[in-house]
N, C-alpha and C. Protein backbone atom coordinates (compact mmCIF):
# COMPACT_ATOMS: atom_id res chain seq x y z
N MET A 1 -40.72 175.00 177.69
CA MET A 1 -41.71 174.88 178.74
C MET A 1 -42.68 176.05 178.70
N LEU A 2 -42.15 177.24 178.43
CA LEU A 2 -43.00 178.42 178.37
C LEU A 2 -43.99 178.30 177.22
N ALA A 3 -43.54 177.76 176.09
CA ALA A 3 -44.42 177.60 174.93
C ALA A 3 -45.58 176.66 175.23
N VAL A 4 -45.32 175.55 175.90
CA VAL A 4 -46.37 174.61 176.26
C VAL A 4 -47.37 175.27 177.19
N GLY A 5 -46.88 175.99 178.18
CA GLY A 5 -47.75 176.70 179.11
C GLY A 5 -48.58 177.74 178.41
N SER A 6 -48.00 178.43 177.44
CA SER A 6 -48.73 179.45 176.69
C SER A 6 -49.84 178.82 175.86
N ILE A 7 -49.54 177.69 175.23
CA ILE A 7 -50.55 177.01 174.43
C ILE A 7 -51.71 176.54 175.30
N LEU A 8 -51.39 175.99 176.47
CA LEU A 8 -52.42 175.54 177.39
C LEU A 8 -53.30 176.70 177.83
N VAL A 9 -52.70 177.82 178.18
CA VAL A 9 -53.46 179.00 178.61
C VAL A 9 -54.34 179.50 177.47
N ILE A 10 -53.81 179.54 176.26
CA ILE A 10 -54.58 180.00 175.11
C ILE A 10 -55.77 179.06 174.86
N THR A 11 -55.54 177.75 174.94
CA THR A 11 -56.61 176.78 174.72
C THR A 11 -57.70 176.93 175.77
N ILE A 12 -57.31 177.03 177.02
CA ILE A 12 -58.29 177.19 178.10
C ILE A 12 -59.03 178.51 177.94
N PHE A 13 -58.31 179.60 177.63
CA PHE A 13 -58.94 180.89 177.45
C PHE A 13 -59.89 180.85 176.26
N SER A 14 -59.46 180.24 175.17
CA SER A 14 -60.28 180.15 173.97
C SER A 14 -61.58 179.40 174.27
N THR A 15 -61.49 178.29 174.97
CA THR A 15 -62.67 177.52 175.33
C THR A 15 -63.59 178.32 176.24
N TYR A 16 -63.01 179.03 177.20
CA TYR A 16 -63.78 179.83 178.12
C TYR A 16 -64.42 181.02 177.41
N ALA A 17 -63.64 181.66 176.55
CA ALA A 17 -64.11 182.87 175.87
C ALA A 17 -65.23 182.56 174.87
N THR A 18 -65.14 181.44 174.17
CA THR A 18 -66.16 181.11 173.18
C THR A 18 -67.38 180.46 173.83
N GLY A 19 -67.24 179.99 175.04
CA GLY A 19 -68.35 179.32 175.71
C GLY A 19 -68.69 177.98 175.10
N GLU A 20 -67.73 177.37 174.42
CA GLU A 20 -67.95 176.07 173.79
C GLU A 20 -66.90 175.07 174.24
N LYS A 21 -67.24 173.81 174.09
CA LYS A 21 -66.28 172.75 174.36
C LYS A 21 -66.43 171.69 173.27
N ASN A 22 -65.37 170.95 173.03
CA ASN A 22 -65.42 169.85 172.07
C ASN A 22 -65.89 168.60 172.78
N VAL A 23 -66.82 167.90 172.16
CA VAL A 23 -67.31 166.64 172.69
C VAL A 23 -67.20 165.60 171.58
N VAL A 24 -66.68 164.45 171.92
CA VAL A 24 -66.62 163.34 170.97
C VAL A 24 -67.82 162.44 171.28
N PHE A 25 -68.74 162.39 170.33
CA PHE A 25 -69.95 161.58 170.47
C PHE A 25 -69.62 160.15 170.02
N ASP A 26 -69.71 159.24 170.95
CA ASP A 26 -69.43 157.84 170.69
C ASP A 26 -70.74 157.15 170.29
N CYS A 27 -70.67 156.14 169.47
CA CYS A 27 -71.89 155.47 169.02
C CYS A 27 -72.13 154.19 169.83
N THR A 28 -72.28 154.38 171.14
CA THR A 28 -72.57 153.27 172.03
C THR A 28 -73.77 153.62 172.91
N PRO A 29 -74.51 152.62 173.34
CA PRO A 29 -75.62 152.90 174.28
C PRO A 29 -75.11 153.54 175.57
N GLU A 30 -73.93 153.13 176.01
CA GLU A 30 -73.38 153.67 177.26
C GLU A 30 -73.14 155.18 177.15
N PHE A 31 -72.59 155.61 176.02
CA PHE A 31 -72.35 157.04 175.85
C PHE A 31 -73.66 157.82 175.97
N TRP A 32 -74.66 157.40 175.20
CA TRP A 32 -75.92 158.15 175.16
C TRP A 32 -76.70 158.03 176.47
N SER A 33 -76.66 156.88 177.13
CA SER A 33 -77.40 156.75 178.38
C SER A 33 -76.73 157.51 179.52
N ASN A 34 -75.42 157.73 179.42
CA ASN A 34 -74.71 158.50 180.44
C ASN A 34 -74.66 159.99 180.14
N ASN A 35 -75.17 160.40 179.00
CA ASN A 35 -75.13 161.82 178.60
C ASN A 35 -76.49 162.27 178.09
N LEU A 36 -77.50 162.13 178.92
CA LEU A 36 -78.87 162.48 178.52
C LEU A 36 -79.00 163.95 178.12
N ASN A 37 -78.15 164.80 178.69
CA ASN A 37 -78.22 166.23 178.36
C ASN A 37 -77.80 166.51 176.92
N TYR A 38 -77.09 165.59 176.27
CA TYR A 38 -76.67 165.79 174.88
C TYR A 38 -77.78 165.43 173.89
N TRP A 39 -78.82 164.76 174.34
CA TRP A 39 -79.89 164.36 173.43
C TRP A 39 -80.56 165.58 172.79
N LYS A 40 -80.65 166.67 173.54
CA LYS A 40 -81.32 167.86 172.98
C LYS A 40 -80.54 168.45 171.81
N ILE A 41 -79.25 168.15 171.71
CA ILE A 41 -78.45 168.63 170.58
C ILE A 41 -78.99 168.05 169.27
N VAL A 42 -79.50 166.84 169.31
CA VAL A 42 -80.05 166.21 168.11
C VAL A 42 -81.57 166.36 168.05
N GLY A 43 -82.14 167.12 168.99
CA GLY A 43 -83.57 167.39 168.96
C GLY A 43 -84.45 166.27 169.47
N VAL A 44 -83.91 165.45 170.37
CA VAL A 44 -84.67 164.32 170.90
C VAL A 44 -84.77 164.46 172.42
N ASP A 45 -85.97 164.21 172.94
CA ASP A 45 -86.20 164.21 174.38
C ASP A 45 -86.12 162.76 174.85
N HIS A 46 -85.30 162.49 175.84
CA HIS A 46 -85.13 161.11 176.32
C HIS A 46 -86.39 160.55 176.96
N ASN A 47 -87.36 161.43 177.23
CA ASN A 47 -88.64 160.98 177.79
C ASN A 47 -89.67 160.64 176.72
N ASP A 48 -89.32 160.82 175.44
CA ASP A 48 -90.24 160.48 174.35
C ASP A 48 -90.52 158.98 174.35
N ASP A 49 -91.70 158.63 173.90
CA ASP A 49 -92.12 157.23 173.83
C ASP A 49 -91.40 156.51 172.69
N PHE A 50 -90.84 155.35 172.99
CA PHE A 50 -90.12 154.56 171.99
C PHE A 50 -91.02 154.18 170.83
N ASP A 51 -92.19 153.62 171.13
CA ASP A 51 -93.10 153.16 170.08
C ASP A 51 -93.55 154.31 169.18
N LYS A 52 -93.86 155.45 169.75
CA LYS A 52 -94.29 156.60 168.94
C LYS A 52 -93.14 157.12 168.09
N THR A 53 -91.94 157.12 168.64
CA THR A 53 -90.77 157.60 167.91
C THR A 53 -90.54 156.78 166.65
N PHE A 54 -90.69 155.47 166.76
CA PHE A 54 -90.38 154.60 165.64
C PHE A 54 -91.62 154.10 164.89
N GLY A 55 -92.81 154.53 165.32
CA GLY A 55 -94.02 154.22 164.58
C GLY A 55 -94.42 152.76 164.60
N LYS A 56 -94.08 152.08 165.66
CA LYS A 56 -94.40 150.65 165.77
C LYS A 56 -94.72 150.35 167.23
N ASP A 57 -95.74 149.54 167.48
CA ASP A 57 -96.14 149.23 168.85
C ASP A 57 -95.43 147.96 169.32
N TYR A 58 -94.17 148.14 169.76
CA TYR A 58 -93.38 146.99 170.21
C TYR A 58 -93.62 146.63 171.67
N PHE A 59 -93.83 147.64 172.51
CA PHE A 59 -93.90 147.39 173.95
C PHE A 59 -95.31 147.64 174.47
N GLU A 60 -95.89 146.59 175.08
CA GLU A 60 -97.24 146.68 175.63
C GLU A 60 -97.31 147.76 176.69
N LYS A 61 -96.39 147.75 177.60
CA LYS A 61 -96.27 148.85 178.55
C LYS A 61 -95.25 149.81 177.92
N ASP A 62 -95.72 150.99 177.55
CA ASP A 62 -94.85 151.95 176.86
C ASP A 62 -93.58 152.22 177.64
N ILE A 63 -92.50 152.39 176.89
CA ILE A 63 -91.22 152.75 177.51
C ILE A 63 -90.70 154.02 176.84
N THR A 64 -89.90 154.76 177.57
CA THR A 64 -89.28 155.96 177.03
C THR A 64 -88.03 155.57 176.24
N LEU A 65 -87.51 156.52 175.49
CA LEU A 65 -86.25 156.27 174.78
C LEU A 65 -85.12 156.03 175.78
N GLU A 66 -85.15 156.73 176.91
CA GLU A 66 -84.13 156.49 177.95
C GLU A 66 -84.21 155.06 178.46
N GLN A 67 -85.41 154.58 178.74
CA GLN A 67 -85.56 153.20 179.20
C GLN A 67 -85.12 152.22 178.11
N ALA A 68 -85.41 152.55 176.84
CA ALA A 68 -85.04 151.68 175.73
C ALA A 68 -83.53 151.53 175.62
N ILE A 69 -82.81 152.64 175.73
CA ILE A 69 -81.35 152.59 175.54
C ILE A 69 -80.65 151.89 176.71
N LYS A 70 -81.35 151.76 177.83
CA LYS A 70 -80.78 151.09 179.00
C LYS A 70 -81.21 149.62 179.11
N LYS A 71 -81.99 149.15 178.14
CA LYS A 71 -82.43 147.75 178.16
C LYS A 71 -81.23 146.82 178.03
N GLU A 72 -81.33 145.67 178.65
CA GLU A 72 -80.29 144.64 178.55
C GLU A 72 -80.93 143.37 178.02
N GLY A 73 -80.17 142.60 177.31
CA GLY A 73 -80.67 141.32 176.83
C GLY A 73 -80.77 141.28 175.32
N SER A 74 -81.51 140.28 174.84
CA SER A 74 -81.62 140.06 173.40
C SER A 74 -83.06 140.33 172.95
N GLY A 75 -83.32 140.06 171.70
CA GLY A 75 -84.67 140.22 171.18
C GLY A 75 -85.09 141.68 171.15
N MET A 76 -86.27 141.94 171.68
CA MET A 76 -86.82 143.30 171.67
C MET A 76 -85.96 144.27 172.49
N GLU A 77 -85.36 143.78 173.57
CA GLU A 77 -84.50 144.63 174.38
C GLU A 77 -83.30 145.10 173.56
N HIS A 78 -82.74 144.18 172.79
CA HIS A 78 -81.60 144.51 171.94
C HIS A 78 -82.01 145.50 170.85
N LEU A 79 -83.16 145.28 170.23
CA LEU A 79 -83.66 146.21 169.22
C LEU A 79 -83.86 147.60 169.81
N ALA A 80 -84.44 147.67 170.99
CA ALA A 80 -84.69 148.96 171.64
C ALA A 80 -83.38 149.69 171.94
N ARG A 81 -82.43 148.99 172.54
CA ARG A 81 -81.14 149.58 172.91
C ARG A 81 -80.35 150.01 171.68
N SER A 82 -80.16 149.10 170.75
CA SER A 82 -79.36 149.40 169.56
C SER A 82 -80.06 150.37 168.62
N GLY A 83 -81.35 150.22 168.48
CA GLY A 83 -82.11 151.11 167.59
C GLY A 83 -82.09 152.55 168.07
N THR A 84 -82.26 152.74 169.36
CA THR A 84 -82.23 154.09 169.91
C THR A 84 -80.83 154.69 169.76
N THR A 85 -79.81 153.91 170.04
CA THR A 85 -78.43 154.37 169.89
C THR A 85 -78.14 154.77 168.45
N ALA A 86 -78.48 153.90 167.51
CA ALA A 86 -78.23 154.17 166.09
C ALA A 86 -78.99 155.41 165.62
N TYR A 87 -80.21 155.57 166.07
CA TYR A 87 -81.02 156.71 165.66
C TYR A 87 -80.40 158.02 166.17
N LEU A 88 -80.02 158.07 167.43
CA LEU A 88 -79.40 159.27 167.99
C LEU A 88 -78.12 159.62 167.24
N HIS A 89 -77.30 158.61 166.99
CA HIS A 89 -76.04 158.87 166.32
C HIS A 89 -76.25 159.28 164.86
N ALA A 90 -77.23 158.69 164.21
CA ALA A 90 -77.51 159.04 162.81
C ALA A 90 -77.96 160.49 162.69
N LEU A 91 -78.61 161.01 163.71
CA LEU A 91 -79.03 162.41 163.68
C LEU A 91 -77.83 163.36 163.69
N LEU A 92 -76.69 162.88 164.18
CA LEU A 92 -75.45 163.67 164.19
C LEU A 92 -74.61 163.48 162.93
N ASP A 93 -74.71 162.30 162.34
CA ASP A 93 -73.81 161.91 161.25
C ASP A 93 -74.38 162.32 159.89
N PRO A 94 -73.74 163.28 159.23
CA PRO A 94 -74.26 163.74 157.94
C PRO A 94 -74.18 162.68 156.83
N GLU A 95 -73.41 161.64 157.06
CA GLU A 95 -73.27 160.59 156.04
C GLU A 95 -74.35 159.51 156.15
N ILE A 96 -75.14 159.54 157.21
CA ILE A 96 -76.17 158.54 157.43
C ILE A 96 -77.54 159.20 157.41
N ASP A 97 -78.44 158.64 156.64
CA ASP A 97 -79.81 159.13 156.59
C ASP A 97 -80.55 158.54 157.79
N GLU A 98 -80.94 159.39 158.71
CA GLU A 98 -81.60 158.89 159.92
C GLU A 98 -82.91 158.18 159.60
N GLU A 99 -83.52 158.49 158.46
CA GLU A 99 -84.75 157.79 158.07
C GLU A 99 -84.49 156.32 157.78
N ILE A 100 -83.30 156.00 157.29
CA ILE A 100 -82.94 154.59 157.05
C ILE A 100 -82.86 153.84 158.38
N VAL A 101 -82.25 154.48 159.37
CA VAL A 101 -82.16 153.86 160.70
C VAL A 101 -83.56 153.76 161.31
N HIS A 102 -84.34 154.82 161.18
CA HIS A 102 -85.71 154.84 161.69
C HIS A 102 -86.51 153.68 161.10
N LYS A 103 -86.40 153.50 159.80
CA LYS A 103 -87.13 152.43 159.12
C LYS A 103 -86.62 151.05 159.55
N ALA A 104 -85.31 150.91 159.75
CA ALA A 104 -84.75 149.64 160.20
C ALA A 104 -85.31 149.25 161.56
N VAL A 105 -85.46 150.23 162.46
CA VAL A 105 -86.03 149.95 163.78
C VAL A 105 -87.50 149.59 163.60
N ASN A 106 -88.21 150.35 162.80
CA ASN A 106 -89.63 150.10 162.57
C ASN A 106 -89.88 148.70 162.04
N LEU A 107 -88.99 148.23 161.16
CA LEU A 107 -89.16 146.90 160.56
C LEU A 107 -88.46 145.79 161.35
N GLY A 108 -87.73 146.17 162.42
CA GLY A 108 -87.06 145.18 163.26
C GLY A 108 -85.79 144.60 162.65
N TYR A 109 -85.13 145.35 161.79
CA TYR A 109 -83.90 144.88 161.13
C TYR A 109 -82.70 145.06 162.05
N VAL A 110 -82.60 144.20 163.05
CA VAL A 110 -81.55 144.31 164.06
C VAL A 110 -80.16 144.18 163.45
N HIS A 111 -80.00 143.29 162.48
CA HIS A 111 -78.67 143.09 161.87
C HIS A 111 -78.20 144.35 161.14
N GLN A 112 -79.11 145.03 160.47
CA GLN A 112 -78.76 146.28 159.79
C GLN A 112 -78.34 147.34 160.81
N ILE A 113 -79.06 147.42 161.91
CA ILE A 113 -78.74 148.38 162.96
C ILE A 113 -77.38 148.05 163.58
N ASP A 114 -77.16 146.77 163.89
CA ASP A 114 -75.88 146.35 164.46
C ASP A 114 -74.73 146.63 163.52
N ASN A 115 -74.95 146.43 162.22
CA ASN A 115 -73.91 146.71 161.24
C ASN A 115 -73.57 148.20 161.22
N TYR A 116 -74.58 149.04 161.28
CA TYR A 116 -74.33 150.48 161.34
C TYR A 116 -73.51 150.84 162.58
N LEU A 117 -73.90 150.32 163.74
CA LEU A 117 -73.18 150.64 164.98
C LEU A 117 -71.75 150.10 164.97
N ALA A 118 -71.55 148.96 164.35
CA ALA A 118 -70.20 148.38 164.29
C ALA A 118 -69.27 149.20 163.39
N ASN A 119 -69.85 149.93 162.46
CA ASN A 119 -69.04 150.67 161.49
C ASN A 119 -69.15 152.19 161.61
N CYS A 120 -69.90 152.66 162.58
CA CYS A 120 -70.06 154.11 162.69
C CYS A 120 -68.80 154.76 163.28
N ASN A 121 -68.67 156.02 163.02
CA ASN A 121 -67.51 156.77 163.49
C ASN A 121 -67.89 157.70 164.62
N GLU A 122 -66.92 157.91 165.50
CA GLU A 122 -67.13 158.94 166.52
C GLU A 122 -67.23 160.28 165.81
N ILE A 123 -68.02 161.16 166.35
CA ILE A 123 -68.20 162.49 165.76
C ILE A 123 -67.84 163.52 166.81
N GLU A 124 -66.96 164.44 166.43
CA GLU A 124 -66.57 165.52 167.34
C GLU A 124 -67.35 166.78 166.98
N ARG A 125 -67.95 167.39 167.99
CA ARG A 125 -68.73 168.60 167.79
C ARG A 125 -68.41 169.61 168.89
N LYS A 126 -68.51 170.88 168.55
CA LYS A 126 -68.45 171.92 169.57
C LYS A 126 -69.86 172.12 170.09
N ILE A 127 -69.98 172.17 171.41
CA ILE A 127 -71.29 172.41 172.02
C ILE A 127 -71.13 173.47 173.09
N PRO A 128 -72.22 174.12 173.47
CA PRO A 128 -72.14 175.14 174.53
C PRO A 128 -71.61 174.54 175.83
N ASN A 129 -70.82 175.32 176.55
CA ASN A 129 -70.25 174.86 177.83
C ASN A 129 -71.32 174.59 178.89
N LEU A 130 -72.49 175.09 178.72
CA LEU A 130 -73.54 174.92 179.72
C LEU A 130 -74.06 173.52 179.80
N MET A 131 -73.70 172.67 178.85
CA MET A 131 -74.22 171.30 178.83
C MET A 131 -73.34 170.39 179.63
């Protein structure tokens, strides 16, 4: 019992002392829409324009990336939600070229984006405790 307590204290102290915490980044729209503060880790502002980000004028009334990832439904809504999710996750994943995801969104390749999201892995990263 003492050993377990000691390990717990060391883990808590280590996390506190380093000022970092482990976060598991999930590749779902829900994860990213509920954790807007993590977007800056990948260098993306959730207020950025969706059309400008992907270089294509999909939405007549411009929407932000945050609005895109919260879209519900099929068609363009699905492309916006899945494309934004895949792009954010690709920026974290060293095995995926984010330009491929960017191009897939630009060209409207929803099946390619869905395939990436269906097969992507959670990524664990240390981030500052202030987030």
